[in-house]
């Protein structure tokens, strides 16, 4: 085990107990480069950093070139699309992430969007807040049932499977899923079926995206795909915004072909003030909050800290991402 005190740069605030774990063993600088007041401190610490820990801020090849001593990046996230994977692989810099700990929480959020869009919960809450509830609501404010509807899932990893369990076991929903290969889950036997993308889109009443962002999935949902969805279907995206052509989604909503969309992710985040998605009457937008609970965010930081400390000590981390596909 390597017991040398090393230089760690936290590019996002950490829970005090996790910061204390790192500080007990290494020298730590906390500086968020997205905060103008902290950018100079980040730039000053980066050249000596041997470990990085944080999330959200893009770590590109140019930034890595300014960190010649870097050994490991521990991301407080599952997705790794903010990192220059070829550059990390070429330099032999280890990348760690936090899969598993946010699965159930993110699935809760996605199914919450399913419920909100189907039952028009945001519209109805706003009606009450605005003082518009003066009697029994009319059909123009009715929602649609969720139970028994066909649930389509694009991507069937941990989160996709957790969404499937909620739909199939909790709401009696037949599940169609699109993935590279079938996944046989005993608890969903006879309830979830592997199918081509075209079949999932054409037959599902609600489509939920849980795919990772890659060259293969970037722009996957475009004009043709939305047109092939069942008329009146609901679209939910809790994966990455770049998987969706947002203009094509807006056109499908405006035409009435799609009933509603629930979006926790966007092509540009935070969502620009002039984006039509912000106030579209058929869109329920969230601020990339899929894992945003006190318990889960702390668990993510704890796992990221463990990954970092193990890597800096020359030990195998709990969750290492294969940057070169090895």
C-alpha atoms as a PDB file:
ATOM      1  CA  UNK A   1       0.000   0.000   0.000  1.00  0.00           C
ATOM      2  CA  UNK A   2       1.266   3.463  -0.926  1.00  0.00           C
ATOM      3  CA  UNK A   3       1.099   5.767   2.142  1.00  0.00           C
ATOM      4  CA  UNK A   4       2.583   8.856   0.467  1.00  0.00           C
ATOM      5  CA  UNK A   5       0.561  12.031   0.967  1.00  0.00           C
ATOM      6  CA  UNK A   6      -0.510  13.184  -2.482  1.00  0.00           C
ATOM      7  CA  UNK A   7      -2.147  16.255  -3.992  1.00  0.00           C
ATOM      8  CA  UNK A   8      -5.900  15.949  -4.504  1.00  0.00           C
ATOM      9  CA  UNK A   9      -8.058  18.511  -6.285  1.00  0.00           C
ATOM     10  CA  UNK A  10     -11.789  18.342  -5.557  1.00  0.00           C
ATOM     11  CA  UNK A  11     -13.574  20.165  -8.369  1.00  0.00           C
ATOM     12  CA  UNK A  12     -16.910  19.953  -6.590  1.00  0.00           C
ATOM     13  CA  UNK A  13     -17.827  20.460  -2.937  1.00  0.00           C
ATOM     14  CA  UNK A  14     -17.783  17.221  -0.951  1.00  0.00           C
ATOM     15  CA  UNK A  15     -19.741  16.213   2.158  1.00  0.00           C
ATOM     16  CA  UNK A  16     -17.666  17.162   5.223  1.00  0.00           C
ATOM     17  CA  UNK A  17     -17.178  13.558   6.340  1.00  0.00           C
ATOM     18  CA  UNK A  18     -15.857  12.518   2.920  1.00  0.00           C
ATOM     19  CA  UNK A  19     -13.591  15.551   2.672  1.00  0.00           C
ATOM     20  CA  UNK A  20     -12.238  14.607   6.108  1.00  0.00           C
ATOM     21  CA  UNK A  21     -11.473  11.058   4.886  1.00  0.00           C
ATOM     22  CA  UNK A  22      -9.356  12.410   2.046  1.00  0.00           C
ATOM     23  CA  UNK A  23      -7.709  15.147   4.110  1.00  0.00           C
ATOM     24  CA  UNK A  24      -6.559  12.593   6.696  1.00  0.00           C
ATOM     25  CA  UNK A  25      -4.366  10.970   4.056  1.00  0.00           C
ATOM     26  CA  UNK A  26      -3.673  13.610   1.403  1.00  0.00           C
ATOM     27  CA  UNK A  27      -3.384  17.328   0.765  1.00  0.00           C
ATOM     28  CA  UNK A  28      -6.689  18.591  -0.617  1.00  0.00           C
ATOM     29  CA  UNK A  29      -7.685  21.695  -2.553  1.00  0.00           C
ATOM     30  CA  UNK A  30     -11.402  22.290  -3.097  1.00  0.00           C
ATOM     31  CA  UNK A  31     -12.068  24.537  -6.079  1.00  0.00           C
ATOM     32  CA  UNK A  32     -15.040  24.448  -8.458  1.00  0.00           C
ATOM     33  CA  UNK A  33     -13.878  25.629 -11.911  1.00  0.00           C
ATOM     34  CA  UNK A  34     -17.455  26.510 -12.899  1.00  0.00           C
ATOM     35  CA  UNK A  35     -17.455  29.142 -10.125  1.00  0.00           C
ATOM     36  CA  UNK A  36     -15.592  32.254 -11.351  1.00  0.00           C
ATOM     37  CA  UNK A  37     -14.481  33.012  -7.796  1.00  0.00           C
ATOM     38  CA  UNK A  38     -12.767  29.614  -7.548  1.00  0.00           C
ATOM     39  CA  UNK A  39     -11.401  29.208 -11.069  1.00  0.00           C
ATOM     40  CA  UNK A  40      -7.996  30.720 -10.306  1.00  0.00           C
ATOM     41  CA  UNK A  41      -7.507  28.331  -7.376  1.00  0.00           C
ATOM     42  CA  UNK A  42      -8.459  25.396  -9.601  1.00  0.00           C
ATOM     43  CA  UNK A  43      -6.018  26.476 -12.325  1.00  0.00           C
ATOM     44  CA  UNK A  44      -3.252  26.877  -9.756  1.00  0.00           C
ATOM     45  CA  UNK A  45      -3.787  23.446  -8.204  1.00  0.00           C
ATOM     46  CA  UNK A  46      -4.305  21.476 -11.421  1.00  0.00           C
ATOM     47  CA  UNK A  47      -0.633  21.105 -12.510  1.00  0.00           C
ATOM     48  CA  UNK A  48       0.299  19.386  -9.230  1.00  0.00           C
ATOM     49  CA  UNK A  49      -2.860  17.310  -8.828  1.00  0.00           C
ATOM     50  CA  UNK A  50      -2.339  13.566  -8.605  1.00  0.00           C
ATOM     51  CA  UNK A  51      -6.012  12.866  -7.980  1.00  0.00           C
ATOM     52  CA  UNK A  52      -9.202  14.609  -9.097  1.00  0.00           C
ATOM     53  CA  UNK A  53     -12.624  14.075  -7.576  1.00  0.00           C
ATOM     54  CA  UNK A  54     -15.879  15.735  -8.645  1.00  0.00           C
ATOM     55  CA  UNK A  55     -18.491  15.765 -11.375  1.00  0.00           C
ATOM     56  CA  UNK A  56     -20.380  17.800 -13.982  1.00  0.00           C
ATOM     57  CA  UNK A  57     -17.460  19.948 -15.191  1.00  0.00           C
ATOM     58  CA  UNK A  58     -15.990  18.655 -18.493  1.00  0.00           C
ATOM     59  CA  UNK A  59     -12.453  17.316 -18.206  1.00  0.00           C
ATOM     60  CA  UNK A  60     -11.186  17.494 -21.781  1.00  0.00           C
ATOM     61  CA  UNK A  61      -7.835  16.698 -23.366  1.00  0.00           C
ATOM     62  CA  UNK A  62      -6.624  20.284 -23.005  1.00  0.00           C
ATOM     63  CA  UNK A  63      -7.286  20.235 -19.275  1.00  0.00           C
ATOM     64  CA  UNK A  64      -5.566  16.881 -18.916  1.00  0.00           C
ATOM     65  CA  UNK A  65      -2.520  18.293 -20.694  1.00  0.00           C
ATOM     66  CA  UNK A  66      -2.231  20.816 -17.864  1.00  0.00           C
ATOM     67  CA  UNK A  67      -2.161  18.009 -15.275  1.00  0.00           C
ATOM     68  CA  UNK A  68       1.087  16.104 -15.930  1.00  0.00           C
ATOM     69  CA  UNK A  69       1.112  14.375 -12.511  1.00  0.00           C
ATOM     70  CA  UNK A  70      -2.465  13.111 -12.659  1.00  0.00           C
ATOM     71  CA  UNK A  71      -2.965   9.443 -11.714  1.00  0.00           C
ATOM     72  CA  UNK A  72      -6.696   9.067 -11.151  1.00  0.00           C
ATOM     73  CA  UNK A  73     -10.032  10.833 -11.659  1.00  0.00           C
ATOM     74  CA  UNK A  74     -12.856   9.749  -9.379  1.00  0.00           C
ATOM     75  CA  UNK A  75     -16.152  10.913 -10.838  1.00  0.00           C
ATOM     76  CA  UNK A  76     -19.209  11.326  -8.618  1.00  0.00           C
ATOM     77  CA  UNK A  77     -21.421   9.998 -11.387  1.00  0.00           C
ATOM     78  CA  UNK A  78     -22.278   6.914 -13.381  1.00  0.00           C
ATOM     79  CA  UNK A  79     -21.970   8.570 -16.795  1.00  0.00           C
ATOM     80  CA  UNK A  80     -18.480   9.400 -18.037  1.00  0.00           C
ATOM     81  CA  UNK A  81     -19.285  11.482 -21.110  1.00  0.00           C
ATOM     82  CA  UNK A  82     -17.686  14.553 -19.490  1.00  0.00           C
ATOM     83  CA  UNK A  83     -14.257  12.938 -19.684  1.00  0.00           C
ATOM     84  CA  UNK A  84     -11.806  12.656 -22.588  1.00  0.00           C
ATOM     85  CA  UNK A  85     -11.603   8.862 -22.566  1.00  0.00           C
ATOM     86  CA  UNK A  86      -8.992   8.458 -25.353  1.00  0.00           C
ATOM     87  CA  UNK A  87      -6.679  10.928 -23.628  1.00  0.00           C
ATOM     88  CA  UNK A  88      -7.114   9.183 -20.283  1.00  0.00           C
ATOM     89  CA  UNK A  89      -6.378   5.819 -21.873  1.00  0.00           C
ATOM     90  CA  UNK A  90      -3.318   7.158 -23.682  1.00  0.00           C
ATOM     91  CA  UNK A  91      -1.926   8.628 -20.469  1.00  0.00           C
ATOM     92  CA  UNK A  92      -2.795   5.611 -18.333  1.00  0.00           C
ATOM     93  CA  UNK A  93      -4.920   7.751 -16.021  1.00  0.00           C
ATOM     94  CA  UNK A  94      -7.445   5.696 -14.096  1.00  0.00           C
ATOM     95  CA  UNK A  95     -11.112   6.748 -14.239  1.00  0.00           C
ATOM     96  CA  UNK A  96     -13.522   5.671 -11.516  1.00  0.00           C
ATOM     97  CA  UNK A  97     -17.287   6.218 -11.302  1.00  0.00           C
ATOM     98  CA  UNK A  98     -20.248   5.401  -9.056  1.00  0.00           C
ATOM     99  CA  UNK A  99     -22.606   2.825 -10.607  1.00  0.00           C
ATOM    100  CA  UNK A 100     -25.112   0.952  -8.513  1.00  0.00           C
ATOM    101  CA  UNK A 101     -25.668   3.371  -5.643  1.00  0.00           C
ATOM    102  CA  UNK A 102     -28.031   5.601  -7.628  1.00  0.00           C
ATOM    103  CA  UNK A 103     -29.969   2.912  -9.494  1.00  0.00           C
ATOM    104  CA  UNK A 104     -33.115   2.777  -7.400  1.00  0.00           C
ATOM    105  CA  UNK A 105     -33.278   6.521  -6.779  1.00  0.00           C
ATOM    106  CA  UNK A 106     -32.965   7.334 -10.489  1.00  0.00           C
ATOM    107  CA  UNK A 107     -35.599   4.738 -11.338  1.00  0.00           C
ATOM    108  CA  UNK A 108     -37.893   6.371  -8.765  1.00  0.00           C
ATOM    109  CA  UNK A 109     -37.434   9.709 -10.541  1.00  0.00           C
ATOM    110  CA  UNK A 110     -38.099   8.261 -13.975  1.00  0.00           C
ATOM    111  CA  UNK A 111     -41.258   6.529 -12.839  1.00  0.00           C
ATOM    112  CA  UNK A 112     -42.234   9.758 -11.113  1.00  0.00           C
ATOM    113  CA  UNK A 113     -42.032  11.442 -14.514  1.00  0.00           C
ATOM    114  CA  UNK A 114     -44.170   8.668 -15.977  1.00  0.00           C
ATOM    115  CA  UNK A 115     -46.815   9.358 -13.347  1.00  0.00           C
ATOM    116  CA  UNK A 116     -46.544  13.140 -13.610  1.00  0.00           C
ATOM    117  CA  UNK A 117     -46.963  13.139 -17.388  1.00  0.00           C
ATOM    118  CA  UNK A 118     -49.698  10.522 -17.479  1.00  0.00           C
ATOM    119  CA  UNK A 119     -51.797  11.965 -14.677  1.00  0.00           C
ATOM    120  CA  UNK A 120     -50.922  15.619 -15.450  1.00  0.00           C
ATOM    121  CA  UNK A 121     -49.838  16.137 -11.858  1.00  0.00           C
ATOM    122  CA  UNK A 122     -47.919  19.350 -12.513  1.00  0.00           C
ATOM    123  CA  UNK A 123     -50.846  20.912 -14.391  1.00  0.00           C
ATOM    124  CA  UNK A 124     -53.282  20.002 -11.639  1.00  0.00           C
ATOM    125  CA  UNK A 125     -51.017  21.251  -8.853  1.00  0.00           C
ATOM    126  CA  UNK A 126     -50.615  24.551 -10.686  1.00  0.00           C
ATOM    127  CA  UNK A 127     -54.387  24.817 -11.091  1.00  0.00           C
ATOM    128  CA  UNK A 128     -54.769  24.643  -7.326  1.00  0.00           C
ATOM    129  CA  UNK A 129     -51.880  27.039  -6.650  1.00  0.00           C
ATOM    130  CA  UNK A 130     -53.308  29.581  -9.094  1.00  0.00           C
ATOM    131  CA  UNK A 131     -56.753  29.467  -7.504  1.00  0.00           C
ATOM    132  CA  UNK A 132     -58.322  27.917 -10.573  1.00  0.00           C
ATOM    133  CA  UNK A 133     -59.890  24.972  -8.744  1.00  0.00           C
ATOM    134  CA  UNK A 134     -63.505  26.048  -8.348  1.00  0.00           C
ATOM    135  CA  UNK A 135     -65.302  22.733  -8.791  1.00  0.00           C
ATOM    136  CA  UNK A 136     -64.970  19.330 -10.385  1.00  0.00           C
ATOM    137  CA  UNK A 137     -62.349  19.430 -13.109  1.00  0.00           C
ATOM    138  CA  UNK A 138     -63.444  18.868 -16.679  1.00  0.00           C
ATOM    139  CA  UNK A 139     -62.202  16.444 -19.287  1.00  0.00           C
ATOM    140  CA  UNK A 140     -59.700  18.983 -20.556  1.00  0.00           C
ATOM    141  CA  UNK A 141     -57.719  18.347 -17.366  1.00  0.00           C
ATOM    142  CA  UNK A 142     -58.179  14.586 -17.142  1.00  0.00           C
ATOM    143  CA  UNK A 143     -55.079  12.420 -17.198  1.00  0.00           C
ATOM    144  CA  UNK A 144     -54.532   8.889 -18.483  1.00  0.00           C
ATOM    145  CA  UNK A 145     -54.099   5.605 -16.668  1.00  0.00           C
ATOM    146  CA  UNK A 146     -50.635   4.148 -16.165  1.00  0.00           C
ATOM    147  CA  UNK A 147     -51.554   0.682 -14.918  1.00  0.00           C
ATOM    148  CA  UNK A 148     -51.819  -1.897 -17.672  1.00  0.00           C
ATOM    149  CA  UNK A 149     -50.201   0.286 -20.340  1.00  0.00           C
ATOM    150  CA  UNK A 150     -47.239  -1.021 -22.333  1.00  0.00           C
ATOM    151  CA  UNK A 151     -43.931   0.310 -21.023  1.00  0.00           C
ATOM    152  CA  UNK A 152     -41.046   0.558 -23.474  1.00  0.00           C
ATOM    153  CA  UNK A 153     -37.495   0.901 -22.178  1.00  0.00           C
ATOM    154  CA  UNK A 154     -34.484   1.846 -24.300  1.00  0.00           C
ATOM    155  CA  UNK A 155     -31.439   0.507 -22.497  1.00  0.00           C
ATOM    156  CA  UNK A 156     -31.717  -2.337 -20.022  1.00  0.00           C
ATOM    157  CA  UNK A 157     -28.880  -1.908 -17.588  1.00  0.00           C
ATOM    158  CA  UNK A 158     -29.330  -1.444 -13.852  1.00  0.00           C
ATOM    159  CA  UNK A 159     -31.616   1.591 -14.160  1.00  0.00           C
ATOM    160  CA  UNK A 160     -33.642   0.222 -17.063  1.00  0.00           C
ATOM    161  CA  UNK A 161     -34.255  -3.001 -15.163  1.00  0.00           C
ATOM    162  CA  UNK A 162     -35.265  -1.075 -12.039  1.00  0.00           C
ATOM    163  CA  UNK A 163     -37.792   0.920 -14.090  1.00  0.00           C
ATOM    164  CA  UNK A 164     -39.098  -2.339 -15.574  1.00  0.00           C
ATOM    165  CA  UNK A 165     -39.634  -3.804 -12.102  1.00  0.00           C
ATOM    166  CA  UNK A 166     -41.631  -0.764 -11.035  1.00  0.00           C
ATOM    167  CA  UNK A 167     -43.820  -0.901 -14.113  1.00  0.00           C
ATOM    168  CA  UNK A 168     -44.339  -4.652 -14.367  1.00  0.00           C
ATOM    169  CA  UNK A 169     -44.607  -5.574 -10.701  1.00  0.00           C
ATOM    170  CA  UNK A 170     -46.135  -2.395  -9.335  1.00  0.00           C
ATOM    171  CA  UNK A 171     -48.472  -1.343 -12.138  1.00  0.00           C
ATOM    172  CA  UNK A 172     -49.108  -4.522 -14.124  1.00  0.00           C
ATOM    173  CA  UNK A 173     -47.475  -3.063 -17.234  1.00  0.00           C
ATOM    174  CA  UNK A 174     -46.251  -5.313 -20.048  1.00  0.00           C
ATOM    175  CA  UNK A 175     -42.619  -4.325 -20.692  1.00  0.00           C
ATOM    176  CA  UNK A 176     -40.782  -4.191 -24.010  1.00  0.00           C
ATOM    177  CA  UNK A 177     -37.106  -3.328 -23.882  1.00  0.00           C
ATOM    178  CA  UNK A 178     -34.403  -2.676 -26.442  1.00  0.00           C
ATOM    179  CA  UNK A 179     -30.848  -3.673 -25.567  1.00  0.00           C
ATOM    180  CA  UNK A 180     -27.882  -5.290 -27.265  1.00  0.00           C
ATOM    181  CA  UNK A 181     -28.897  -8.671 -25.883  1.00  0.00           C
ATOM    182  CA  UNK A 182     -31.758 -10.173 -23.875  1.00  0.00           C
ATOM    183  CA  UNK A 183     -31.551 -10.107 -20.085  1.00  0.00           C
ATOM    184  CA  UNK A 184     -33.414 -12.868 -18.291  1.00  0.00           C
ATOM    185  CA  UNK A 185     -34.571 -11.573 -14.904  1.00  0.00           C
ATOM    186  CA  UNK A 186     -36.418 -14.258 -12.906  1.00  0.00           C
ATOM    187  CA  UNK A 187     -38.717 -11.755 -11.201  1.00  0.00           C
ATOM    188  CA  UNK A 188     -39.826 -10.410 -14.603  1.00  0.00           C
ATOM    189  CA  UNK A 189     -40.232 -13.747 -16.358  1.00  0.00           C
ATOM    190  CA  UNK A 190     -43.191 -13.510 -18.723  1.00  0.00           C
ATOM    191  CA  UNK A 191     -43.536  -9.778 -18.039  1.00  0.00           C
ATOM    192  CA  UNK A 192     -40.594  -8.233 -19.950  1.00  0.00           C
ATOM    193  CA  UNK A 193     -39.701  -8.981 -23.556  1.00  0.00           C
ATOM    194  CA  UNK A 194     -36.606  -8.089 -25.565  1.00  0.00           C
ATOM    195  CA  UNK A 195     -37.504  -6.428 -28.895  1.00  0.00           C
ATOM    196  CA  UNK A 196     -35.969  -4.395 -31.721  1.00  0.00           C
ATOM    197  CA  UNK A 197     -36.004  -0.624 -31.358  1.00  0.00           C
ATOM    198  CA  UNK A 198     -38.702  -0.230 -34.003  1.00  0.00           C
ATOM    199  CA  UNK A 199     -41.038  -2.612 -32.195  1.00  0.00           C
ATOM    200  CA  UNK A 200     -40.515  -0.951 -28.821  1.00  0.00           C
ATOM    201  CA  UNK A 201     -41.321   2.466 -30.273  1.00  0.00           C
ATOM    202  CA  UNK A 202     -44.327   1.305 -32.275  1.00  0.00           C
ATOM    203  CA  UNK A 203     -45.990  -0.747 -29.526  1.00  0.00           C
ATOM    204  CA  UNK A 204     -45.292   1.185 -26.308  1.00  0.00           C
ATOM    205  CA  UNK A 205     -47.657   3.645 -24.669  1.00  0.00           C
ATOM    206  CA  UNK A 206     -44.783   5.091 -22.651  1.00  0.00           C
ATOM    207  CA  UNK A 207     -41.126   5.047 -23.736  1.00  0.00           C
ATOM    208  CA  UNK A 208     -38.374   5.593 -21.162  1.00  0.00           C
ATOM    209  CA  UNK A 209     -34.754   6.178 -22.218  1.00  0.00           C
ATOM    210  CA  UNK A 210     -32.004   4.900 -19.898  1.00  0.00           C
ATOM    211  CA  UNK A 211     -29.219   4.432 -22.464  1.00  0.00           C
ATOM    212  CA  UNK A 212     -25.651   5.672 -21.934  1.00  0.00           C
ATOM    213  CA  UNK A 213     -24.418   8.332 -24.336  1.00  0.00           C
ATOM    214  CA  UNK A 214     -22.058   6.973 -26.992  1.00  0.00           C
ATOM    215  CA  UNK A 215     -21.315   7.477 -30.666  1.00  0.00           C
ATOM    216  CA  UNK A 216     -23.967   4.828 -31.320  1.00  0.00           C
ATOM    217  CA  UNK A 217     -26.709   6.464 -29.238  1.00  0.00           C
ATOM    218  CA  UNK A 218     -26.016  10.134 -29.927  1.00  0.00           C
ATOM    219  CA  UNK A 219     -29.037  11.514 -31.809  1.00  0.00           C
ATOM    220  CA  UNK A 220     -30.743   8.109 -31.667  1.00  0.00           C
ATOM    221  CA  UNK A 221     -34.196   9.617 -31.137  1.00  0.00           C
ATOM    222  CA  UNK A 222     -34.879  11.786 -34.158  1.00  0.00           C
ATOM    223  CA  UNK A 223     -37.748  12.704 -36.461  1.00  0.00           C
ATOM    224  CA  UNK A 224     -38.181   9.198 -37.864  1.00  0.00           C
ATOM    225  CA  UNK A 225     -38.110   7.535 -34.465  1.00  0.00           C
ATOM    226  CA  UNK A 226     -40.644   9.915 -32.926  1.00  0.00           C
ATOM    227  CA  UNK A 227     -42.906   9.482 -35.954  1.00  0.00           C
ATOM    228  CA  UNK A 228     -42.788   5.713 -35.470  1.00  0.00           C
ATOM    229  CA  UNK A 229     -44.023   5.936 -31.884  1.00  0.00           C
ATOM    230  CA  UNK A 230     -47.628   5.090 -31.092  1.00  0.00           C
ATOM    231  CA  UNK A 231     -49.930   8.138 -31.502  1.00  0.00           C
ATOM    232  CA  UNK A 232     -50.595   9.626 -28.081  1.00  0.00           C
ATOM    233  CA  UNK A 233     -47.514   8.013 -26.527  1.00  0.00           C
ATOM    234  CA  UNK A 234     -45.483   9.606 -23.736  1.00  0.00           C
ATOM    235  CA  UNK A 235     -41.705  10.027 -23.947  1.00  0.00           C
ATOM    236  CA  UNK A 236     -39.412  10.083 -20.906  1.00  0.00           C
ATOM    237  CA  UNK A 237     -35.664  10.788 -21.010  1.00  0.00           C
ATOM    238  CA  UNK A 238     -33.521  10.307 -17.925  1.00  0.00           C
ATOM    239  CA  UNK A 239     -30.310   9.310 -19.705  1.00  0.00           C
ATOM    240  CA  UNK A 240     -28.464  12.062 -21.620  1.00  0.00           C
ATOM    241  CA  UNK A 241     -29.914  14.958 -23.576  1.00  0.00           C
ATOM    242  CA  UNK A 242     -27.739  14.398 -26.635  1.00  0.00           C
ATOM    243  CA  UNK A 243     -29.493  11.092 -27.310  1.00  0.00           C
ATOM    244  CA  UNK A 244     -32.527  13.133 -28.402  1.00  0.00           C
ATOM    245  CA  UNK A 245     -33.009  15.552 -31.289  1.00  0.00           C
ATOM    246  CA  UNK A 246     -34.880  18.143 -29.252  1.00  0.00           C
ATOM    247  CA  UNK A 247     -36.304  19.933 -32.298  1.00  0.00           C
ATOM    248  CA  UNK A 248     -37.751  16.653 -33.537  1.00  0.00           C
ATOM    249  CA  UNK A 249     -39.258  16.022 -30.106  1.00  0.00           C
ATOM    250  CA  UNK A 250     -40.836  19.482 -30.056  1.00  0.00           C
ATOM    251  CA  UNK A 251     -42.305  18.912 -33.512  1.00  0.00           C
ATOM    252  CA  UNK A 252     -43.823  15.600 -32.399  1.00  0.00           C
ATOM    253  CA  UNK A 253     -45.373  17.298 -29.369  1.00  0.00           C
ATOM    254  CA  UNK A 254     -46.640  20.308 -31.318  1.00  0.00           C
ATOM    255  CA  UNK A 255     -48.260  18.109 -33.961  1.00  0.00           C
ATOM    256  CA  UNK A 256     -50.118  16.168 -31.287  1.00  0.00           C
ATOM    257  CA  UNK A 257     -48.452  12.904 -32.281  1.00  0.00           C
ATOM    258  CA  UNK A 258     -46.929  12.609 -28.810  1.00  0.00           C
ATOM    259  CA  UNK A 259     -49.061  13.333 -25.773  1.00  0.00           C
ATOM    260  CA  UNK A 260     -46.342  14.513 -23.385  1.00  0.00           C
ATOM    261  CA  UNK A 261     -42.652  14.348 -22.507  1.00  0.00           C
ATOM    262  CA  UNK A 262     -40.880  14.146 -19.171  1.00  0.00           C
ATOM    263  CA  UNK A 263     -37.259  15.273 -19.369  1.00  0.00           C
ATOM    264  CA  UNK A 264     -34.587  15.178 -16.682  1.00  0.00           C
ATOM    265  CA  UNK A 265     -31.743  15.788 -19.135  1.00  0.00           C
ATOM    266  CA  UNK A 266     -31.122  18.179 -22.012  1.00  0.00           C
ATOM    267  CA  UNK A 267     -28.627  18.754 -24.800  1.00  0.00           C
ATOM    268  CA  UNK A 268     -27.436  21.911 -23.034  1.00  0.00           C
ATOM    269  CA  UNK A 269     -27.468  22.070 -19.245  1.00  0.00           C
ATOM    270  CA  UNK A 270     -28.583  24.090 -17.427  1.00  0.00           C
ATOM    271  CA  UNK A 271     -31.449  24.504 -19.871  1.00  0.00           C
ATOM    272  CA  UNK A 272     -31.112  27.903 -21.631  1.00  0.00           C
ATOM    273  CA  UNK A 273     -33.713  30.480 -20.677  1.00  0.00           C
ATOM    274  CA  UNK A 274     -34.835  30.788 -24.290  1.00  0.00           C
ATOM    275  CA  UNK A 275     -35.354  27.045 -24.787  1.00  0.00           C
ATOM    276  CA  UNK A 276     -38.954  26.255 -25.822  1.00  0.00           C
ATOM    277  CA  UNK A 277     -38.732  23.140 -23.653  1.00  0.00           C
ATOM    278  CA  UNK A 278     -38.834  25.275 -20.500  1.00  0.00           C
ATOM    279  CA  UNK A 279     -42.466  26.347 -20.807  1.00  0.00           C
ATOM    280  CA  UNK A 280     -43.906  23.929 -23.337  1.00  0.00           C
ATOM    281  CA  UNK A 281     -47.343  22.864 -22.034  1.00  0.00           C
ATOM    282  CA  UNK A 282     -46.675  19.215 -22.834  1.00  0.00           C
ATOM    283  CA  UNK A 283     -43.221  19.021 -21.236  1.00  0.00           C
ATOM    284  CA  UNK A 284     -42.433  18.276 -17.596  1.00  0.00           C
ATOM    285  CA  UNK A 285     -38.803  19.402 -17.190  1.00  0.00           C
ATOM    286  CA  UNK A 286     -36.523  18.561 -14.269  1.00  0.00           C
ATOM    287  CA  UNK A 287     -33.032  19.967 -13.514  1.00  0.00           C
ATOM    288  CA  UNK A 288     -31.065  16.719 -14.017  1.00  0.00           C
ATOM    289  CA  UNK A 289     -32.267  15.565 -10.610  1.00  0.00           C
ATOM    290  CA  UNK A 290     -32.518  11.808 -11.138  1.00  0.00           C
ATOM    291  CA  UNK A 291     -30.199  10.958  -8.246  1.00  0.00           C
ATOM    292  CA  UNK A 292     -30.852  14.087  -6.205  1.00  0.00           C
ATOM    293  CA  UNK A 293     -31.770  12.769  -2.798  1.00  0.00           C
ATOM    294  CA  UNK A 294     -29.770  13.381   0.361  1.00  0.00           C
ATOM    295  CA  UNK A 295     -29.137   9.681   0.833  1.00  0.00           C
ATOM    296  CA  UNK A 296     -28.071   8.889  -2.715  1.00  0.00           C
ATOM    297  CA  UNK A 297     -25.863  11.911  -3.309  1.00  0.00           C
ATOM    298  CA  UNK A 298     -24.000  11.135  -0.076  1.00  0.00           C
ATOM    299  CA  UNK A 299     -23.631   7.481  -1.076  1.00  0.00           C
ATOM    300  CA  UNK A 300     -22.220   8.568  -4.448  1.00  0.00           C
ATOM    301  CA  UNK A 301     -19.681  10.859  -2.770  1.00  0.00           C
ATOM    302  CA  UNK A 302     -18.741   8.091  -0.348  1.00  0.00           C
ATOM    303  CA  UNK A 303     -18.119   5.594  -3.145  1.00  0.00           C
ATOM    304  CA  UNK A 304     -16.174   8.170  -5.168  1.00  0.00           C
ATOM    305  CA  UNK A 305     -14.013   8.900  -2.126  1.00  0.00           C
ATOM    306  CA  UNK A 306     -13.355   5.201  -1.580  1.00  0.00           C
ATOM    307  CA  UNK A 307     -12.436   4.809  -5.251  1.00  0.00           C
ATOM    308  CA  UNK A 308     -10.026   7.739  -5.053  1.00  0.00           C
ATOM    309  CA  UNK A 309      -8.309   6.605  -1.853  1.00  0.00           C
ATOM    310  CA  UNK A 310      -7.879   3.055  -3.087  1.00  0.00           C
ATOM    311  CA  UNK A 311      -6.457   4.183  -6.415  1.00  0.00           C
ATOM    312  CA  UNK A 312      -3.994   6.605  -4.821  1.00  0.00           C
ATOM    313  CA  UNK A 313      -2.876   3.824  -2.457  1.00  0.00           C
ATOM    314  CA  UNK A 314      -2.141   1.536  -5.400  1.00  0.00           C
ATOM    315  CA  UNK A 315      -5.161  -0.653  -4.713  1.00  0.00           C
ATOM    316  CA  UNK A 316      -7.999  -1.639  -7.055  1.00  0.00           C
ATOM    317  CA  UNK A 317     -10.968   0.734  -6.685  1.00  0.00           C
ATOM    318  CA  UNK A 318     -14.507  -0.508  -6.199  1.00  0.00           C
ATOM    319  CA  UNK A 319     -15.734   0.826  -9.555  1.00  0.00           C
ATOM    320  CA  UNK A 320     -13.187   1.465 -12.277  1.00  0.00           C
ATOM    321  CA  UNK A 321     -14.268   2.488 -15.792  1.00  0.00           C
ATOM    322  CA  UNK A 322     -12.398   0.837 -18.681  1.00  0.00           C
ATOM    323  CA  UNK A 323     -11.413   3.922 -20.692  1.00  0.00           C
ATOM    324  CA  UNK A 324      -9.930   1.874 -23.486  1.00  0.00           C
ATOM    325  CA  UNK A 325     -12.563  -0.842 -23.588  1.00  0.00           C
ATOM    326  CA  UNK A 326     -10.323  -3.323 -21.772  1.00  0.00           C
END
